[in-house]
């Protein structure tokens, strides 16, 4: 599947499916963390903020 998340996965995520969350998390966590780190220049804070984002997702 790679980084191409399909509609069925997103719909399952919306419905609370744990496996779908895992797929999205694996696909986007590192990219999200790198994006945040580009702004705040703190690896530890970027990790925490990325994790917070996924907890809220």
C-alpha atoms as a PDB file:
ATOM      1  CA  UNK A   1       0.000   0.000   0.000  1.00  0.00           C
ATOM      2  CA  UNK A   2       2.893   2.403   0.648  1.00  0.00           C
ATOM      3  CA  UNK A   3       1.953   6.014   1.230  1.00  0.00           C
ATOM      4  CA  UNK A   4      -1.162   5.851  -0.923  1.00  0.00           C
ATOM      5  CA  UNK A   5      -4.005   5.580   1.556  1.00  0.00           C
ATOM      6  CA  UNK A   6      -7.198   4.499  -0.172  1.00  0.00           C
ATOM      7  CA  UNK A   7     -10.744   5.659   0.513  1.00  0.00           C
ATOM      8  CA  UNK A   8     -11.708   2.390   2.225  1.00  0.00           C
ATOM      9  CA  UNK A   9      -8.879   2.807   4.728  1.00  0.00           C
ATOM     10  CA  UNK A  10      -9.912   6.389   5.472  1.00  0.00           C
ATOM     11  CA  UNK A  11     -13.548   5.383   5.897  1.00  0.00           C
ATOM     12  CA  UNK A  12     -12.538   2.570   8.247  1.00  0.00           C
ATOM     13  CA  UNK A  13     -10.372   5.036  10.192  1.00  0.00           C
ATOM     14  CA  UNK A  14     -13.346   7.369  10.506  1.00  0.00           C
ATOM     15  CA  UNK A  15     -15.354   4.442  11.868  1.00  0.00           C
ATOM     16  CA  UNK A  16     -12.711   3.723  14.522  1.00  0.00           C
ATOM     17  CA  UNK A  17     -10.936   0.746  12.954  1.00  0.00           C
ATOM     18  CA  UNK A  18      -7.625   0.157  14.776  1.00  0.00           C
ATOM     19  CA  UNK A  19      -5.922  -1.525  11.808  1.00  0.00           C
ATOM     20  CA  UNK A  20      -6.698   1.470   9.591  1.00  0.00           C
ATOM     21  CA  UNK A  21      -5.231   3.808  12.183  1.00  0.00           C
ATOM     22  CA  UNK A  22      -2.091   1.691  12.203  1.00  0.00           C
ATOM     23  CA  UNK A  23      -1.825   1.897   8.408  1.00  0.00           C
ATOM     24  CA  UNK A  24      -2.193   5.700   8.432  1.00  0.00           C
ATOM     25  CA  UNK A  25       0.196   6.078  11.376  1.00  0.00           C
ATOM     26  CA  UNK A  26       2.908   3.992   9.721  1.00  0.00           C
ATOM     27  CA  UNK A  27       2.477   5.834   6.428  1.00  0.00           C
ATOM     28  CA  UNK A  28       2.571   9.371   7.816  1.00  0.00           C
ATOM     29  CA  UNK A  29       4.231   9.517  11.253  1.00  0.00           C
ATOM     30  CA  UNK A  30       7.809  10.039  10.045  1.00  0.00           C
ATOM     31  CA  UNK A  31       6.782  12.588   7.406  1.00  0.00           C
ATOM     32  CA  UNK A  32       4.659  14.463   9.931  1.00  0.00           C
ATOM     33  CA  UNK A  33       7.482  14.475  12.466  1.00  0.00           C
ATOM     34  CA  UNK A  34       9.971  15.754   9.866  1.00  0.00           C
ATOM     35  CA  UNK A  35       7.562  18.479   8.761  1.00  0.00           C
ATOM     36  CA  UNK A  36       7.062  19.693  12.337  1.00  0.00           C
ATOM     37  CA  UNK A  37      10.796  19.489  13.055  1.00  0.00           C
ATOM     38  CA  UNK A  38      11.413  21.746  10.066  1.00  0.00           C
ATOM     39  CA  UNK A  39       9.529  24.487  11.871  1.00  0.00           C
ATOM     40  CA  UNK A  40      10.477  24.054  15.506  1.00  0.00           C
ATOM     41  CA  UNK A  41      14.006  22.591  15.148  1.00  0.00           C
ATOM     42  CA  UNK A  42      13.589  20.256  18.133  1.00  0.00           C
ATOM     43  CA  UNK A  43      13.468  16.516  17.443  1.00  0.00           C
ATOM     44  CA  UNK A  44      12.000  15.679  20.862  1.00  0.00           C
ATOM     45  CA  UNK A  45       9.265  18.314  20.591  1.00  0.00           C
ATOM     46  CA  UNK A  46       8.522  17.290  16.991  1.00  0.00           C
ATOM     47  CA  UNK A  47       8.039  13.677  18.094  1.00  0.00           C
ATOM     48  CA  UNK A  48       5.723  14.733  20.907  1.00  0.00           C
ATOM     49  CA  UNK A  49       3.657  16.991  18.667  1.00  0.00           C
ATOM     50  CA  UNK A  50       3.380  14.333  15.949  1.00  0.00           C
ATOM     51  CA  UNK A  51       2.255  11.797  18.542  1.00  0.00           C
ATOM     52  CA  UNK A  52      -0.283  14.283  19.912  1.00  0.00           C
ATOM     53  CA  UNK A  53      -1.620  14.819  16.404  1.00  0.00           C
ATOM     54  CA  UNK A  54      -2.177  11.082  15.933  1.00  0.00           C
ATOM     55  CA  UNK A  55      -3.729  10.697  19.390  1.00  0.00           C
ATOM     56  CA  UNK A  56      -6.250  13.371  18.430  1.00  0.00           C
ATOM     57  CA  UNK A  57      -6.845  11.707  15.070  1.00  0.00           C
END
